[in-house]
């Protein structure tokens, strides 16, 4: 099986037009299902979703949830709760951990944990992201 996604051209405040790798991912939690375009980020440890996407999936902060802070580039940390859900890509579904950000100001990121081991992922000439199993 091979699934291809074209890079999406976006405007960067620093570099002008830039192409970024994206994929279409289905997030499933209980009876809630959401289809989202998400950046494919080989530098991200875990898939990250903003607060509103988690709320649409029915996430709530439970007393057993542990809030942790993760950092990417820069000094500002992002408070997250790690939740387990099902994710789907190209008809292939798997259980995965996602970082539910408790703030809105984060992009949707497809990280390595629980996902990258399911596929061979190729970034082809800054034009396509190809997932093969």
C-alpha atoms as a PDB file:
ATOM      1  CA  UNK A   1       0.000   0.000   0.000  1.00  0.00           C
ATOM      2  CA  UNK A   2       1.249   3.472  -0.863  1.00  0.00           C
ATOM      3  CA  UNK A   3      -0.343   6.755   0.189  1.00  0.00           C
ATOM      4  CA  UNK A   4       0.858  10.099  -1.187  1.00  0.00           C
ATOM      5  CA  UNK A   5       0.214  13.619  -0.004  1.00  0.00           C
ATOM      6  CA  UNK A   6       1.394  16.708  -1.848  1.00  0.00           C
ATOM      7  CA  UNK A   7       3.283  19.257   0.212  1.00  0.00           C
ATOM      8  CA  UNK A   8       1.164  22.313   0.954  1.00  0.00           C
ATOM      9  CA  UNK A   9       2.488  25.744   0.052  1.00  0.00           C
ATOM     10  CA  UNK A  10       2.116  28.243   2.868  1.00  0.00           C
ATOM     11  CA  UNK A  11       3.347  31.725   3.580  1.00  0.00           C
ATOM     12  CA  UNK A  12       6.217  32.102   6.038  1.00  0.00           C
ATOM     13  CA  UNK A  13       6.775  35.468   7.720  1.00  0.00           C
ATOM     14  CA  UNK A  14      10.514  34.877   7.377  1.00  0.00           C
ATOM     15  CA  UNK A  15      10.988  32.944   4.117  1.00  0.00           C
ATOM     16  CA  UNK A  16       7.956  33.835   1.993  1.00  0.00           C
ATOM     17  CA  UNK A  17       6.265  30.902   0.220  1.00  0.00           C
ATOM     18  CA  UNK A  18       7.378  27.549   1.640  1.00  0.00           C
ATOM     19  CA  UNK A  19       6.236  23.956   1.037  1.00  0.00           C
ATOM     20  CA  UNK A  20       5.385  21.848   4.086  1.00  0.00           C
ATOM     21  CA  UNK A  21       4.694  18.106   4.384  1.00  0.00           C
ATOM     22  CA  UNK A  22       1.140  17.244   5.375  1.00  0.00           C
ATOM     23  CA  UNK A  23      -1.020  14.148   5.709  1.00  0.00           C
ATOM     24  CA  UNK A  24      -4.710  13.499   6.209  1.00  0.00           C
ATOM     25  CA  UNK A  25      -5.269  11.733   9.526  1.00  0.00           C
ATOM     26  CA  UNK A  26      -8.431  10.396  11.147  1.00  0.00           C
ATOM     27  CA  UNK A  27      -8.554  10.722  14.935  1.00  0.00           C
ATOM     28  CA  UNK A  28     -11.018   8.429  16.737  1.00  0.00           C
ATOM     29  CA  UNK A  29     -11.953   8.539  20.408  1.00  0.00           C
ATOM     30  CA  UNK A  30     -14.942   6.438  21.450  1.00  0.00           C
ATOM     31  CA  UNK A  31     -17.795   7.540  19.132  1.00  0.00           C
ATOM     32  CA  UNK A  32     -16.092  10.761  18.005  1.00  0.00           C
ATOM     33  CA  UNK A  33     -14.212  10.836  14.689  1.00  0.00           C
ATOM     34  CA  UNK A  34     -12.377  13.798  13.152  1.00  0.00           C
ATOM     35  CA  UNK A  35     -10.502  14.064   9.861  1.00  0.00           C
ATOM     36  CA  UNK A  36      -7.648  16.619   9.924  1.00  0.00           C
ATOM     37  CA  UNK A  37      -4.769  17.814   7.768  1.00  0.00           C
ATOM     38  CA  UNK A  38      -1.644  17.596   9.898  1.00  0.00           C
ATOM     39  CA  UNK A  39       2.040  18.450   9.479  1.00  0.00           C
ATOM     40  CA  UNK A  40       4.289  15.389   9.214  1.00  0.00           C
ATOM     41  CA  UNK A  41       7.106  16.194  11.646  1.00  0.00           C
ATOM     42  CA  UNK A  42       9.961  13.706  11.909  1.00  0.00           C
ATOM     43  CA  UNK A  43      11.426  15.865  14.679  1.00  0.00           C
ATOM     44  CA  UNK A  44       8.344  15.573  16.910  1.00  0.00           C
ATOM     45  CA  UNK A  45       8.426  12.792  19.480  1.00  0.00           C
ATOM     46  CA  UNK A  46       4.641  12.567  19.812  1.00  0.00           C
ATOM     47  CA  UNK A  47       1.606  13.564  17.768  1.00  0.00           C
ATOM     48  CA  UNK A  48       0.326  16.908  19.043  1.00  0.00           C
ATOM     49  CA  UNK A  49      -3.213  18.272  18.875  1.00  0.00           C
ATOM     50  CA  UNK A  50      -4.487  21.656  20.100  1.00  0.00           C
ATOM     51  CA  UNK A  51      -6.993  22.024  22.916  1.00  0.00           C
ATOM     52  CA  UNK A  52     -10.034  22.466  20.632  1.00  0.00           C
ATOM     53  CA  UNK A  53      -9.358  19.258  18.665  1.00  0.00           C
ATOM     54  CA  UNK A  54      -9.096  17.297  21.911  1.00  0.00           C
ATOM     55  CA  UNK A  55     -12.372  18.811  23.083  1.00  0.00           C
ATOM     56  CA  UNK A  56     -14.047  17.804  19.792  1.00  0.00           C
ATOM     57  CA  UNK A  57     -12.789  14.274  20.472  1.00  0.00           C
ATOM     58  CA  UNK A  58     -14.432  14.405  23.904  1.00  0.00           C
ATOM     59  CA  UNK A  59     -11.258  14.758  25.966  1.00  0.00           C
ATOM     60  CA  UNK A  60     -11.675  15.923  29.535  1.00  0.00           C
ATOM     61  CA  UNK A  61      -9.091  16.454  32.258  1.00  0.00           C
ATOM     62  CA  UNK A  62      -9.442  13.529  34.657  1.00  0.00           C
ATOM     63  CA  UNK A  63      -8.030  13.408  38.173  1.00  0.00           C
ATOM     64  CA  UNK A  64      -5.597  10.656  37.046  1.00  0.00           C
ATOM     65  CA  UNK A  65      -4.249  12.754  34.154  1.00  0.00           C
ATOM     66  CA  UNK A  66      -0.725  14.071  34.547  1.00  0.00           C
ATOM     67  CA  UNK A  67       0.005  17.460  33.005  1.00  0.00           C
ATOM     68  CA  UNK A  68       3.551  17.581  31.632  1.00  0.00           C
ATOM     69  CA  UNK A  69       5.395  20.272  29.725  1.00  0.00           C
ATOM     70  CA  UNK A  70       7.030  19.609  26.367  1.00  0.00           C
ATOM     71  CA  UNK A  71       9.344  21.904  24.435  1.00  0.00           C
ATOM     72  CA  UNK A  72      10.278  22.209  20.807  1.00  0.00           C
ATOM     73  CA  UNK A  73      12.361  24.949  19.335  1.00  0.00           C
ATOM     74  CA  UNK A  74      12.597  27.854  21.740  1.00  0.00           C
ATOM     75  CA  UNK A  75      12.119  28.296  25.431  1.00  0.00           C
ATOM     76  CA  UNK A  76       8.340  28.264  25.723  1.00  0.00           C
ATOM     77  CA  UNK A  77       6.918  25.004  27.010  1.00  0.00           C
ATOM     78  CA  UNK A  78       3.516  23.584  26.119  1.00  0.00           C
ATOM     79  CA  UNK A  79       1.412  21.885  28.807  1.00  0.00           C
ATOM     80  CA  UNK A  80       0.004  18.580  27.527  1.00  0.00           C
ATOM     81  CA  UNK A  81      -1.812  15.492  28.734  1.00  0.00           C
ATOM     82  CA  UNK A  82      -0.962  12.241  26.958  1.00  0.00           C
ATOM     83  CA  UNK A  83      -4.134  10.477  25.783  1.00  0.00           C
ATOM     84  CA  UNK A  84      -4.582   7.182  23.925  1.00  0.00           C
ATOM     85  CA  UNK A  85      -6.799   7.155  20.853  1.00  0.00           C
ATOM     86  CA  UNK A  86      -7.077   5.443  17.492  1.00  0.00           C
ATOM     87  CA  UNK A  87      -5.603   7.132  14.459  1.00  0.00           C
ATOM     88  CA  UNK A  88      -6.079   6.248  10.832  1.00  0.00           C
ATOM     89  CA  UNK A  89      -4.073   6.947   7.731  1.00  0.00           C
ATOM     90  CA  UNK A  90      -5.049   5.553   4.349  1.00  0.00           C
ATOM     91  CA  UNK A  91      -7.410   2.976   5.843  1.00  0.00           C
ATOM     92  CA  UNK A  92      -4.809   1.674   8.306  1.00  0.00           C
ATOM     93  CA  UNK A  93      -5.807   2.215  11.940  1.00  0.00           C
ATOM     94  CA  UNK A  94      -3.722   1.897  15.078  1.00  0.00           C
ATOM     95  CA  UNK A  95      -3.771   2.834  18.741  1.00  0.00           C
ATOM     96  CA  UNK A  96      -1.548   5.804  19.406  1.00  0.00           C
ATOM     97  CA  UNK A  97      -0.590   8.202  22.137  1.00  0.00           C
ATOM     98  CA  UNK A  98      -1.198  11.871  21.393  1.00  0.00           C
ATOM     99  CA  UNK A  99      -0.201  14.970  23.297  1.00  0.00           C
ATOM    100  CA  UNK A 100      -3.346  16.977  23.954  1.00  0.00           C
ATOM    101  CA  UNK A 101      -2.129  20.552  24.338  1.00  0.00           C
ATOM    102  CA  UNK A 102      -3.958  22.528  26.989  1.00  0.00           C
ATOM    103  CA  UNK A 103      -3.516  25.630  24.857  1.00  0.00           C
ATOM    104  CA  UNK A 104      -4.783  26.432  21.401  1.00  0.00           C
ATOM    105  CA  UNK A 105      -1.638  27.992  19.920  1.00  0.00           C
ATOM    106  CA  UNK A 106       0.005  24.792  18.641  1.00  0.00           C
ATOM    107  CA  UNK A 107      -0.103  23.232  15.180  1.00  0.00           C
ATOM    108  CA  UNK A 108      -1.385  19.742  14.505  1.00  0.00           C
ATOM    109  CA  UNK A 109       1.782  17.614  14.281  1.00  0.00           C
ATOM    110  CA  UNK A 110       2.159  13.968  13.344  1.00  0.00           C
ATOM    111  CA  UNK A 111       5.032  12.758  15.535  1.00  0.00           C
ATOM    112  CA  UNK A 112       7.101   9.573  15.484  1.00  0.00           C
ATOM    113  CA  UNK A 113       5.748   7.733  18.534  1.00  0.00           C
ATOM    114  CA  UNK A 114       3.279   4.945  17.670  1.00  0.00           C
ATOM    115  CA  UNK A 115       3.014   6.113  14.034  1.00  0.00           C
ATOM    116  CA  UNK A 116       6.343   6.160  12.228  1.00  0.00           C
ATOM    117  CA  UNK A 117       6.922   2.477  13.044  1.00  0.00           C
ATOM    118  CA  UNK A 118       3.843   1.575  10.950  1.00  0.00           C
ATOM    119  CA  UNK A 119       5.158   3.035   7.678  1.00  0.00           C
ATOM    120  CA  UNK A 120       8.203   3.814   5.623  1.00  0.00           C
ATOM    121  CA  UNK A 121       7.911   7.565   5.185  1.00  0.00           C
ATOM    122  CA  UNK A 122       9.639   9.357   2.330  1.00  0.00           C
ATOM    123  CA  UNK A 123       9.836  13.096   1.782  1.00  0.00           C
ATOM    124  CA  UNK A 124      10.273  13.321  -1.975  1.00  0.00           C
ATOM    125  CA  UNK A 125      12.057  16.393  -3.339  1.00  0.00           C
ATOM    126  CA  UNK A 126      10.097  18.823  -1.180  1.00  0.00           C
ATOM    127  CA  UNK A 127       6.982  17.907  -3.192  1.00  0.00           C
ATOM    128  CA  UNK A 128       5.363  14.763  -1.721  1.00  0.00           C
ATOM    129  CA  UNK A 129       5.168  12.749   1.466  1.00  0.00           C
ATOM    130  CA  UNK A 130       4.847   9.044   0.697  1.00  0.00           C
ATOM    131  CA  UNK A 131       3.720   6.448   3.261  1.00  0.00           C
ATOM    132  CA  UNK A 132       4.304   2.763   2.423  1.00  0.00           C
ATOM    133  CA  UNK A 133       3.937  -0.293   4.584  1.00  0.00           C
END
